[in-house]
Amino acid sequence: MSKPNKSLAGNVANLLLGMFLGYGLFLLQSLNVYVDYTAPTPSHLDMHRRWLLDDSTRTSSEQKDGPRKILLDCGANVASTVQLFRETYPEGRDYIIHSFELDERLAPYFAAYSNHVLHCPVAVASKYGNITAYAESAWKPDKGRVRGADMQWGGGAIYASDSEKKDEIHGRRFGVRNVIPMVDLSLWIQENTALEDYVIFKLDVEGAEYEILEKMLKDGTFKWIDKFYGEFHGWSPVPGWSTQRKQDLIQTLKINNITMLEWAGEHKRYQDIELLHKPDIPENTPGVPGMVYSNCSRSPGGPARLALTVQVGMNAKAAFKLVETIRAHPSKMPVTLFVYGDFVQLFPDLIIKWAERYTIGIREHAPFPSGHWILQNSNVMRMSLIATVQRMKEIGLTPVYYYPDALSKRVQDEAKNRGLRIIQPTTKFPPNLGTLLKEDNYYKYRDVERTPKAFRILYERMSTGGILSLDSDHPDSYMISAFLMDYLSENSGFELVSVQNCL
């Protein structure tokens, strides 16, 4: 959705008011701020004052001019939108996020996020005041079902049917009632964002959206909005809103060229996620997206080939020791490093340094417990891969190769959708096939005895070349690394190549 010509939008007085009041929000960008609305019937100006930081807490780095990037997360629930947006949305880490949530028991879910302001407990509405909010009760073994499904939904609503209000067993999920403040969202947006800001608006508020959107249309507030995500709840019992009136509002939005895109944080998806994350792998990249490569065929008339790779784990100290040892080896052999998205986010400078010499491939966004990655649904897998690709692009790298924790058709399909070539080693250390490392055959021995034992076990599967991987989380990968590279470069007879030569 595009804005009209901003030079014509609004009058000067409203623009100055919006910039003046909105600037205070910008000063919170590097902070995670919890906004507690507790006064009985506060005015909207009082509410502004409650969460604006005192000047003494502001730092020079927060005193910035120019347009801001803002996400309004209305109906924030368990921070599912914040997580999805931060992980996957292009430049999502640059946005200040304002989350509005009526259930104060969900506030802990937001504690880990910076550049974020939590307005809780507060309901977004079409006017200022107080209202009764219905929230889900704590789980217990005999807790009732939500529309026939066993769920702990979280959050709540300001509009509910009589059956839903009855009790937590027969109702949808409501066992808690509180009187909380509500804000006129239309007015709040105009007073706290500026027309030149880039504002993404997400609205998922269990039926309250109809009154809010009607007010925003009346006030011309969509001039402040650049992109609109949300969900309509046609079944919600909103007083004074018949099915026909709800449909008329939706039609009015269409007439005014206001498009609402779907956002479903609990499903790890939004409507234009694929459009925003089209693969941009260079056309001359060898291999086929989604294809599994686990061997390295020899060149015609040449020796067997071997490609060395490293599974970089989240133990940064161990990973640094191993990779720097490999870097220092005089053979300068080609190596591909596979990293988690979270590792890239935590240590971007280290990855940039390593990329000067080595090919950087990806793993998932973070480690999963053993055997659990391939059990995830496709939306979780997609979010994980998109997040990792996103972290790489933020430091100027475009990943091509993907080393999954385990293989399944879903894993291959998601890799294909991202344009990624799948690498599965012929053998790895510690081995997962053939002879395994056990106490009797390996761990009871000293380091000087372990190293040749490790090589003999690896040799079982790499005698004819292939792809060899070292797991940086295993301390013995570091111990054997220099000796291994001596063998590979001096005595193996292999042609030592990059992974791309194995595709």
Protein backbone atom coordinates (compact mmCIF):
# COMPACT_ATOMS: atom_id res chain seq x y z
CA MET A 1 0.00 0.00 0.00
CA SER A 2 1.42 3.39 -0.93
CA LYS A 3 0.84 6.72 0.78
CA PRO A 4 -0.59 9.76 -0.98
CA ASN A 5 1.62 12.79 -1.63
CA LYS A 6 2.80 13.68 1.86
CA SER A 7 3.19 17.36 1.04
CA LEU A 8 -0.58 17.47 0.83
CA ALA A 9 -1.29 15.18 3.76
CA GLY A 10 -2.60 16.79 6.92
CA ASN A 11 -2.21 20.34 8.02
CA VAL A 12 0.93 21.87 9.42
CA ALA A 13 -0.32 21.93 12.99
CA ASN A 14 -1.09 18.20 13.06
CA LEU A 15 2.22 17.38 11.44
CA LEU A 16 4.17 19.38 14.03
CA LEU A 17 2.16 17.82 16.85
CA GLY A 18 2.80 14.34 15.51
CA MET A 19 6.52 15.00 15.15
CA PHE A 20 6.79 16.57 18.62
CA LEU A 21 4.99 13.81 20.46
CA GLY A 22 6.37 11.06 18.27
CA TYR A 23 9.98 12.07 18.77
CA GLY A 24 9.87 10.82 22.33
CA LEU A 25 9.23 7.32 21.05
CA PHE A 26 12.30 7.44 18.87
CA LEU A 27 14.43 8.13 21.90
CA LEU A 28 13.58 4.63 23.16
CA GLN A 29 14.98 2.83 20.13
CA SER A 30 17.88 1.10 21.81
CA LEU A 31 15.83 0.07 24.82
CA ASN A 32 13.22 -2.49 25.79
CA VAL A 33 10.63 -0.35 27.56
CA TYR A 34 7.73 -1.71 29.57
CA VAL A 35 4.75 0.63 29.62
CA ASP A 36 2.45 0.17 32.61
CA TYR A 37 -0.96 1.81 32.16
CA THR A 38 -2.39 1.74 35.64
CA ALA A 39 -4.13 5.07 36.29
CA PRO A 40 -7.92 5.05 36.51
CA THR A 41 -9.23 6.71 33.35
CA PRO A 42 -6.05 8.54 32.27
CA SER A 43 -6.19 11.10 29.50
CA HIS A 44 -4.34 10.36 26.27
CA LEU A 45 -1.75 13.05 27.08
CA ASP A 46 -1.22 11.47 30.50
CA MET A 47 -0.60 8.17 28.77
CA HIS A 48 2.05 9.72 26.56
CA ARG A 49 3.85 11.10 29.58
CA ARG A 50 3.87 7.75 31.35
CA TRP A 51 6.19 6.02 28.93
CA LEU A 52 8.33 8.91 27.68
CA LEU A 53 11.80 8.61 29.15
CA ASP A 54 13.19 11.35 31.34
CA ASP A 55 15.84 13.41 29.53
CA SER A 56 18.49 12.19 31.96
CA THR A 57 18.16 8.62 30.64
CA ARG A 58 18.68 9.52 26.98
CA THR A 59 22.05 8.97 25.36
CA SER A 60 23.61 10.87 22.51
CA SER A 61 23.31 7.78 20.29
CA GLU A 62 19.53 8.01 20.66
CA GLN A 63 19.35 11.65 19.57
CA LYS A 64 18.93 10.97 15.85
CA ASP A 65 17.15 12.92 13.18
CA GLY A 66 15.28 11.69 10.14
CA PRO A 67 12.55 9.16 9.34
CA ARG A 68 12.15 6.11 11.53
CA LYS A 69 11.16 2.55 10.78
CA ILE A 70 8.31 1.53 13.07
CA LEU A 71 6.26 -1.64 13.56
CA LEU A 72 2.96 -1.29 15.41
CA ASP A 73 2.21 -4.74 16.82
CA CYS A 74 -1.41 -4.56 17.95
CA GLY A 75 -2.53 -7.77 19.61
CA ALA A 76 1.01 -8.83 20.51
CA ASN A 77 0.14 -12.02 22.41
CA VAL A 78 3.29 -14.04 23.27
CA ALA A 79 5.66 -11.92 21.15
CA SER A 80 5.24 -14.24 18.16
CA THR A 81 5.07 -11.25 15.81
CA VAL A 82 8.13 -9.63 17.38
CA GLN A 83 10.10 -12.85 16.98
CA LEU A 84 9.01 -13.48 13.40
CA PHE A 85 9.59 -9.87 12.38
CA ARG A 86 13.00 -9.60 14.02
CA GLU A 87 14.16 -12.92 12.57
CA THR A 88 12.88 -12.70 9.01
CA TYR A 89 11.62 -9.29 7.92
CA PRO A 90 14.09 -7.38 5.70
CA GLU A 91 15.90 -4.87 7.93
CA GLY A 92 13.57 -6.00 10.71
CA ARG A 93 16.22 -5.43 13.36
CA ASP A 94 16.27 -1.72 12.46
CA TYR A 95 12.62 -1.11 13.39
CA ILE A 96 11.43 0.15 16.74
CA ILE A 97 8.51 -2.08 17.68
CA HIS A 98 5.52 -0.96 19.76
CA SER A 99 3.62 -3.97 21.08
CA PHE A 100 0.12 -3.51 22.49
CA GLU A 101 -1.18 -6.40 24.60
CA LEU A 102 -4.13 -6.50 27.01
CA ASP A 103 -3.00 -9.52 29.08
CA GLU A 104 -0.29 -8.37 31.49
CA ARG A 105 0.65 -11.98 32.27
CA LEU A 106 2.21 -12.20 28.81
CA ALA A 107 4.63 -9.33 29.47
CA PRO A 108 7.59 -11.63 30.30
CA TYR A 109 7.65 -12.87 26.69
CA PHE A 110 8.90 -9.44 25.58
CA ALA A 111 11.70 -9.01 28.11
CA ALA A 112 14.45 -10.26 25.79
CA TYR A 113 13.84 -7.78 22.97
CA SER A 114 15.65 -4.47 22.55
CA ASN A 115 14.56 -1.51 20.44
CA HIS A 116 11.08 -2.34 21.69
CA VAL A 117 8.29 -0.69 23.69
CA LEU A 118 5.64 -2.82 25.39
CA HIS A 119 2.28 -1.21 26.14
CA CYS A 120 0.68 -3.61 28.61
CA PRO A 121 -1.95 -4.07 29.86
CA VAL A 122 -3.70 -1.90 27.30
CA ALA A 123 -6.31 -2.52 24.64
CA VAL A 124 -6.24 -0.72 21.31
CA ALA A 125 -9.65 0.72 20.50
CA SER A 126 -11.46 3.63 18.85
CA LYS A 127 -11.46 5.84 21.94
CA TYR A 128 -9.66 6.45 25.22
CA GLY A 129 -11.02 5.09 28.48
CA ASN A 130 -11.24 1.87 30.48
CA ILE A 131 -12.78 -1.44 29.44
CA THR A 132 -13.24 -4.98 30.75
CA ALA A 133 -10.82 -7.40 29.09
CA TYR A 134 -11.36 -11.17 29.06
CA ALA A 135 -8.18 -13.23 29.25
CA GLU A 136 -7.28 -16.89 29.24
CA SER A 137 -6.87 -18.67 32.54
CA ALA A 138 -3.73 -20.55 33.54
CA TRP A 139 -3.47 -24.07 32.22
CA LYS A 140 -4.64 -27.01 34.30
CA PRO A 141 -5.30 -30.65 33.42
CA ASP A 142 -9.07 -30.23 33.05
CA LYS A 143 -8.89 -26.92 31.19
CA GLY A 144 -11.47 -26.70 28.41
CA ARG A 145 -10.80 -26.72 24.71
CA VAL A 146 -10.52 -23.74 22.38
CA ARG A 147 -12.96 -24.27 19.51
CA GLY A 148 -12.60 -28.00 19.97
CA ALA A 149 -8.81 -27.97 20.08
CA ASP A 150 -6.49 -28.42 23.04
CA MET A 151 -4.70 -25.05 23.09
CA GLN A 152 -3.16 -22.54 25.43
CA TRP A 153 -3.93 -19.50 23.29
CA GLY A 154 -2.69 -16.64 25.45
CA GLY A 155 -4.03 -13.10 25.31
CA GLY A 156 -7.72 -12.33 25.25
CA ALA A 157 -10.36 -9.98 23.90
CA ILE A 158 -12.58 -7.07 24.82
CA TYR A 159 -15.54 -8.58 22.97
CA ALA A 160 -16.78 -12.06 23.81
CA SER A 161 -19.99 -14.02 23.55
CA ASP A 162 -22.02 -14.92 26.63
CA SER A 163 -20.97 -18.57 26.32
CA GLU A 164 -17.33 -17.54 26.18
CA LYS A 165 -17.73 -15.47 29.34
CA LYS A 166 -19.54 -18.24 31.20
CA ASP A 167 -16.47 -20.06 32.51
CA GLU A 168 -13.16 -21.44 31.38
CA ILE A 169 -14.49 -24.93 30.72
CA HIS A 170 -17.43 -24.10 28.48
CA GLY A 171 -16.15 -20.80 27.14
CA ARG A 172 -13.50 -20.31 24.50
CA ARG A 173 -10.68 -19.67 26.97
CA PHE A 174 -11.76 -16.86 29.30
CA GLY A 175 -11.30 -17.37 33.03
CA VAL A 176 -9.74 -13.99 33.88
CA ARG A 177 -11.35 -10.53 33.77
CA ASN A 178 -9.65 -7.20 34.38
CA VAL A 179 -10.54 -3.57 33.80
CA ILE A 180 -7.71 -2.08 31.76
CA PRO A 181 -7.00 1.16 29.88
CA MET A 182 -7.73 1.44 26.19
CA VAL A 183 -6.19 3.88 23.71
CA ASP A 184 -7.62 5.55 20.65
CA LEU A 185 -5.26 3.87 18.21
CA SER A 186 -6.08 6.21 15.35
CA LEU A 187 -5.20 9.27 17.40
CA TRP A 188 -2.20 7.53 18.97
CA ILE A 189 -0.71 6.81 15.53
CA GLN A 190 -1.10 10.41 14.40
CA GLU A 191 0.42 11.76 17.60
CA ASN A 192 3.30 9.30 17.87
CA THR A 193 4.47 8.73 14.31
CA ALA A 194 5.37 11.19 11.61
CA LEU A 195 4.25 11.16 8.00
CA GLU A 196 7.82 10.70 6.82
CA ASP A 197 8.31 7.61 9.02
CA TYR A 198 7.98 4.16 7.43
CA VAL A 199 5.21 2.53 9.48
CA ILE A 200 4.15 -1.11 9.30
CA PHE A 201 0.82 -1.71 11.03
CA LYS A 202 -0.20 -5.18 12.27
CA LEU A 203 -3.70 -5.53 13.71
CA ASP A 204 -4.95 -8.81 15.20
CA VAL A 205 -7.31 -7.89 18.04
CA GLU A 206 -10.16 -10.40 18.14
CA GLY A 207 -12.94 -8.25 16.68
CA ALA A 208 -11.87 -4.81 17.94
CA GLU A 209 -10.41 -4.17 14.47
CA TYR A 210 -13.77 -3.05 13.01
CA GLU A 211 -14.20 -0.01 15.24
CA ILE A 212 -10.50 0.83 15.00
CA LEU A 213 -10.39 0.72 11.20
CA GLU A 214 -13.62 2.69 10.88
CA LYS A 215 -12.11 5.41 13.08
CA MET A 216 -8.83 5.37 11.12
CA LEU A 217 -10.73 5.83 7.86
CA LYS A 218 -12.73 8.70 9.33
CA ASP A 219 -9.58 10.39 10.70
CA GLY A 220 -7.49 9.83 7.57
CA THR A 221 -4.94 7.92 9.62
CA PHE A 222 -3.94 5.58 6.81
CA LYS A 223 -1.85 8.48 5.47
CA TRP A 224 0.55 7.53 8.28
CA ILE A 225 0.60 3.84 7.31
CA ASP A 226 2.89 2.34 4.67
CA LYS A 227 2.00 -1.33 5.03
CA PHE A 228 -0.94 -3.03 6.69
CA TYR A 229 -1.01 -6.60 8.01
CA GLY A 230 -3.81 -8.14 10.01
CA GLU A 231 -6.78 -10.44 10.38
CA PHE A 232 -10.54 -9.98 10.41
CA HIS A 233 -12.61 -11.86 13.01
CA GLY A 234 -16.04 -12.01 11.42
CA TRP A 235 -17.32 -14.35 14.11
CA SER A 236 -16.50 -11.97 16.96
CA PRO A 237 -19.61 -10.55 18.73
CA VAL A 238 -18.90 -6.82 18.45
CA PRO A 239 -21.87 -4.77 19.76
CA GLY A 240 -23.56 -2.81 16.99
CA TRP A 241 -21.68 -4.59 14.23
CA SER A 242 -23.78 -6.91 12.10
CA THR A 243 -22.24 -9.22 9.54
CA GLN A 244 -23.34 -6.80 6.82
CA ARG A 245 -21.75 -3.81 8.54
CA LYS A 246 -18.49 -5.72 8.87
CA GLN A 247 -18.56 -6.60 5.17
CA ASP A 248 -19.34 -2.99 4.27
CA LEU A 249 -16.25 -1.84 6.16
CA ILE A 250 -14.06 -4.34 4.36
CA GLN A 251 -15.46 -3.10 1.06
CA THR A 252 -14.79 0.51 2.05
CA LEU A 253 -11.15 -0.37 2.70
CA LYS A 254 -10.92 -1.85 -0.78
CA ILE A 255 -12.54 1.20 -2.36
CA ASN A 256 -9.92 3.35 -0.64
CA ASN A 257 -7.12 1.10 -1.97
CA ILE A 258 -6.21 -0.08 1.52
CA THR A 259 -4.93 -3.64 1.33
CA MET A 260 -4.61 -5.83 4.39
CA LEU A 261 -2.04 -8.61 4.07
CA GLU A 262 -2.31 -11.71 6.23
CA TRP A 263 -0.02 -11.98 9.25
CA ALA A 264 -0.08 -15.15 11.35
CA GLY A 265 2.76 -15.05 13.84
CA GLU A 266 1.70 -18.26 15.56
CA HIS A 267 2.06 -20.03 12.20
CA LYS A 268 5.44 -18.38 11.44
CA ARG A 269 4.15 -16.81 8.24
CA TYR A 270 2.98 -13.62 6.59
CA GLN A 271 1.39 -13.18 3.19
CA ASP A 272 4.33 -11.70 1.29
CA ILE A 273 7.09 -13.68 2.97
CA GLU A 274 8.08 -15.46 -0.24
CA LEU A 275 7.89 -12.24 -2.25
CA LEU A 276 10.27 -10.56 0.19
CA HIS A 277 12.66 -13.50 0.25
CA LYS A 278 13.12 -14.59 -3.33
CA PRO A 279 16.35 -16.57 -3.79
CA ASP A 280 19.08 -14.46 -5.36
CA ILE A 281 21.74 -17.11 -5.91
CA PRO A 282 24.12 -16.21 -8.77
CA GLU A 283 23.13 -17.94 -12.02
CA ASN A 284 26.55 -19.52 -12.52
CA THR A 285 26.46 -21.28 -9.14
CA PRO A 286 27.18 -25.01 -9.61
CA GLY A 287 24.71 -27.60 -8.42
CA VAL A 288 20.92 -27.82 -8.19
CA PRO A 289 18.81 -26.25 -5.42
CA GLY A 290 17.55 -28.87 -2.98
CA MET A 291 19.90 -31.55 -4.33
CA VAL A 292 21.98 -33.48 -1.79
CA TYR A 293 25.72 -33.64 -2.41
CA SER A 294 27.71 -36.08 -0.27
CA ASN A 295 30.54 -37.24 -2.55
CA CYS A 296 33.27 -35.61 -4.62
CA SER A 297 33.90 -37.33 -7.92
CA ARG A 298 37.45 -37.34 -9.25
CA SER A 299 38.41 -35.21 -12.23
CA PRO A 300 38.94 -37.19 -15.46
CA GLY A 301 42.28 -38.95 -15.22
CA GLY A 302 43.06 -37.25 -11.93
CA PRO A 303 43.32 -38.33 -8.32
CA ALA A 304 40.41 -38.71 -5.92
CA ARG A 305 39.10 -35.42 -4.55
CA LEU A 306 38.43 -34.41 -0.99
CA ALA A 307 36.76 -31.28 0.38
CA LEU A 308 37.25 -30.27 4.02
CA THR A 309 34.38 -28.58 5.88
CA VAL A 310 33.69 -27.46 9.44
CA GLN A 311 30.39 -27.61 11.28
CA VAL A 312 30.72 -24.44 13.35
CA GLY A 313 28.75 -24.85 16.57
CA MET A 314 27.52 -22.20 18.99
CA ASN A 315 30.57 -22.65 21.25
CA ALA A 316 32.42 -19.64 19.90
CA LYS A 317 35.60 -20.30 21.85
CA ALA A 318 35.93 -23.83 20.47
CA ALA A 319 35.02 -22.70 16.94
CA PHE A 320 37.60 -19.92 17.01
CA LYS A 321 40.36 -22.28 18.16
CA LEU A 322 39.61 -24.78 15.40
CA VAL A 323 39.19 -22.36 12.51
CA GLU A 324 42.21 -20.27 13.46
CA THR A 325 44.32 -23.44 13.66
CA ILE A 326 43.18 -24.37 10.16
CA ARG A 327 43.92 -20.84 8.94
CA ALA A 328 47.45 -21.04 10.31
CA HIS A 329 48.28 -24.34 8.56
CA PRO A 330 50.82 -23.82 5.75
CA SER A 331 48.84 -25.90 3.25
CA LYS A 332 46.25 -23.12 2.87
CA MET A 333 43.80 -25.76 1.68
CA PRO A 334 40.25 -24.68 0.73
CA VAL A 335 37.70 -25.09 3.51
CA THR A 336 33.95 -24.43 3.78
CA LEU A 337 32.56 -23.32 7.13
CA PHE A 338 28.90 -23.92 7.97
CA VAL A 339 27.48 -21.52 10.57
CA TYR A 340 24.22 -21.01 12.43
CA GLY A 341 22.29 -17.79 11.87
CA ASP A 342 22.56 -16.95 15.57
CA PHE A 343 26.35 -17.33 15.40
CA VAL A 344 26.44 -14.84 12.53
CA GLN A 345 24.31 -12.39 14.53
CA LEU A 346 26.50 -12.69 17.62
CA PHE A 347 29.88 -12.65 15.85
CA PRO A 348 29.47 -10.80 12.54
CA ASP A 349 33.04 -9.45 12.45
CA LEU A 350 34.44 -12.95 12.92
CA ILE A 351 32.37 -14.31 10.04
CA ILE A 352 33.46 -11.42 7.79
CA LYS A 353 37.09 -12.21 8.66
CA TRP A 354 36.66 -15.91 7.93
CA ALA A 355 34.88 -15.16 4.66
CA GLU A 356 38.02 -13.42 3.36
CA ARG A 357 39.58 -16.85 2.94
CA TYR A 358 36.88 -19.48 3.23
CA THR A 359 33.49 -20.23 1.74
CA ILE A 360 30.74 -19.68 4.31
CA GLY A 361 27.70 -21.95 4.16
CA ILE A 362 24.80 -22.12 6.59
CA ARG A 363 23.18 -24.39 9.11
CA GLU A 364 19.83 -23.64 10.76
CA HIS A 365 19.21 -20.37 12.63
CA ALA A 366 20.05 -22.16 15.89
CA PRO A 367 20.76 -25.70 17.13
CA PHE A 368 17.86 -28.04 17.79
CA PRO A 369 18.06 -30.96 20.22
CA SER A 370 19.32 -34.06 18.47
CA GLY A 371 16.73 -35.54 16.11
CA HIS A 372 14.25 -32.67 16.46
CA TRP A 373 15.06 -30.55 13.39
CA ILE A 374 13.50 -32.94 10.88
CA LEU A 375 10.35 -33.13 13.03
CA GLN A 376 9.58 -29.43 12.60
CA ASN A 377 6.76 -28.31 10.31
CA SER A 378 7.59 -26.56 7.06
CA ASN A 379 6.80 -23.06 8.37
CA VAL A 380 9.31 -23.44 11.21
CA MET A 381 11.91 -24.74 8.76
CA ARG A 382 11.25 -21.87 6.38
CA MET A 383 11.56 -19.29 9.14
CA SER A 384 14.82 -20.85 10.29
CA LEU A 385 16.43 -20.83 6.85
CA ILE A 386 15.14 -17.35 5.96
CA ALA A 387 16.48 -16.02 9.27
CA THR A 388 19.92 -17.50 8.63
CA VAL A 389 20.07 -16.21 5.06
CA GLN A 390 18.95 -12.82 6.39
CA ARG A 391 21.77 -12.72 8.97
CA MET A 392 24.28 -13.53 6.23
CA LYS A 393 22.97 -10.82 3.92
CA GLU A 394 23.22 -8.29 6.72
CA ILE A 395 27.00 -8.73 6.61
CA GLY A 396 27.18 -8.76 2.82
CA LEU A 397 27.27 -12.53 2.18
CA THR A 398 24.95 -14.63 0.01
CA PRO A 399 24.92 -18.26 1.17
CA VAL A 400 24.69 -21.02 -1.42
CA TYR A 401 25.45 -24.19 0.56
CA TYR A 402 23.41 -25.62 3.42
CA TYR A 403 24.45 -28.32 5.88
CA PRO A 404 21.23 -29.50 7.59
CA ASP A 405 21.19 -31.17 10.97
CA ALA A 406 19.36 -34.07 9.32
CA LEU A 407 17.60 -34.83 6.06
CA SER A 408 13.94 -35.27 5.15
CA LYS A 409 11.76 -34.35 2.19
CA ARG A 410 10.60 -31.21 4.01
CA VAL A 411 14.20 -30.17 4.58
CA GLN A 412 15.00 -30.67 0.90
CA ASP A 413 11.87 -28.79 -0.20
CA GLU A 414 12.66 -25.79 1.98
CA ALA A 415 16.28 -25.75 0.84
CA LYS A 416 15.09 -25.84 -2.76
CA ASN A 417 12.74 -22.92 -2.15
CA ARG A 418 15.68 -20.89 -0.83
CA GLY A 419 17.93 -21.89 -3.75
CA LEU A 420 20.32 -23.77 -1.46
CA ARG A 421 22.53 -26.75 -2.35
CA ILE A 422 22.53 -29.38 0.43
CA ILE A 423 25.86 -30.70 1.66
CA GLN A 424 26.03 -33.97 3.59
CA PRO A 425 29.57 -35.19 4.29
CA THR A 426 30.90 -38.57 3.25
CA THR A 427 32.28 -38.82 6.76
CA LYS A 428 32.66 -36.53 9.72
CA PHE A 429 34.31 -36.23 13.06
CA PRO A 430 32.97 -37.43 15.37
CA PRO A 431 31.65 -40.14 13.04
CA ASN A 432 27.95 -41.00 12.92
CA LEU A 433 28.31 -44.01 10.62
CA GLY A 434 30.59 -47.03 10.63
CA THR A 435 32.88 -47.33 13.63
CA LEU A 436 31.74 -44.91 16.32
CA LEU A 437 33.80 -43.37 19.11
CA LYS A 438 33.34 -45.31 22.33
CA GLU A 439 35.08 -45.47 25.65
CA ASP A 440 36.87 -48.73 24.90
CA ASN A 441 38.08 -47.86 21.40
CA TYR A 442 38.79 -44.16 21.87
CA TYR A 443 37.94 -42.10 24.94
CA LYS A 444 39.99 -44.03 27.49
CA TYR A 445 43.19 -43.19 25.63
CA ARG A 446 45.54 -40.20 25.84
CA ASP A 447 45.54 -37.49 23.17
CA VAL A 448 48.64 -38.90 21.47
CA GLU A 449 46.86 -42.24 21.09
CA ARG A 450 43.47 -40.80 20.16
CA THR A 451 44.69 -38.95 17.08
CA PRO A 452 45.75 -42.00 15.00
CA LYS A 453 42.66 -43.87 16.17
CA ALA A 454 40.50 -41.01 14.91
CA PHE A 455 42.30 -41.03 11.54
CA ARG A 456 41.88 -44.79 11.09
CA ILE A 457 38.16 -44.52 11.81
CA LEU A 458 37.77 -41.61 9.37
CA TYR A 459 39.82 -43.43 6.74
CA GLU A 460 37.26 -46.23 6.66
CA ARG A 461 34.87 -43.91 4.82
CA MET A 462 37.15 -41.41 3.08
CA SER A 463 39.75 -43.70 1.52
CA THR A 464 38.36 -42.82 -1.93
CA GLY A 465 37.82 -39.14 -1.20
CA GLY A 466 34.58 -37.24 -0.65
CA ILE A 467 33.50 -34.55 1.80
CA LEU A 468 35.00 -34.56 5.30
CA SER A 469 33.53 -32.48 8.11
CA LEU A 470 34.87 -31.56 11.55
CA ASP A 471 32.43 -30.60 14.30
CA SER A 472 33.86 -27.62 16.17
CA ASP A 473 31.86 -28.46 19.31
CA HIS A 474 33.91 -31.63 19.80
CA PRO A 475 37.22 -30.65 21.46
CA ASP A 476 39.12 -33.35 19.61
CA SER A 477 38.37 -31.69 16.26
CA TYR A 478 40.87 -29.05 17.36
CA MET A 479 43.29 -31.66 18.68
CA ILE A 480 43.48 -33.62 15.41
CA SER A 481 43.15 -30.67 13.00
CA ALA A 482 46.78 -29.80 12.22
CA PHE A 483 47.81 -33.47 12.06
CA LEU A 484 44.86 -34.17 9.79
CA MET A 485 45.83 -31.38 7.41
CA ASP A 486 49.41 -32.68 7.38
CA TYR A 487 48.12 -36.06 6.26
CA LEU A 488 45.74 -34.63 3.68
CA SER A 489 48.29 -32.28 2.11
CA GLU A 490 51.35 -34.57 2.28
CA ASN A 491 50.36 -38.24 2.24
CA SER A 492 46.72 -38.72 1.21
CA GLY A 493 47.18 -38.31 -2.53
CA PHE A 494 43.84 -36.50 -2.69
CA GLU A 495 43.23 -33.45 -4.80
CA LEU A 496 42.11 -31.01 -2.13
CA VAL A 497 39.23 -28.94 -3.45
CA SER A 498 36.44 -26.61 -2.35
CA VAL A 499 32.93 -27.96 -1.85
CA GLN A 500 31.82 -26.24 -5.05
CA ASN A 501 34.11 -28.57 -7.01
CA CYS A 502 32.13 -31.52 -5.65
CA LEU A 503 28.82 -30.37 -7.15
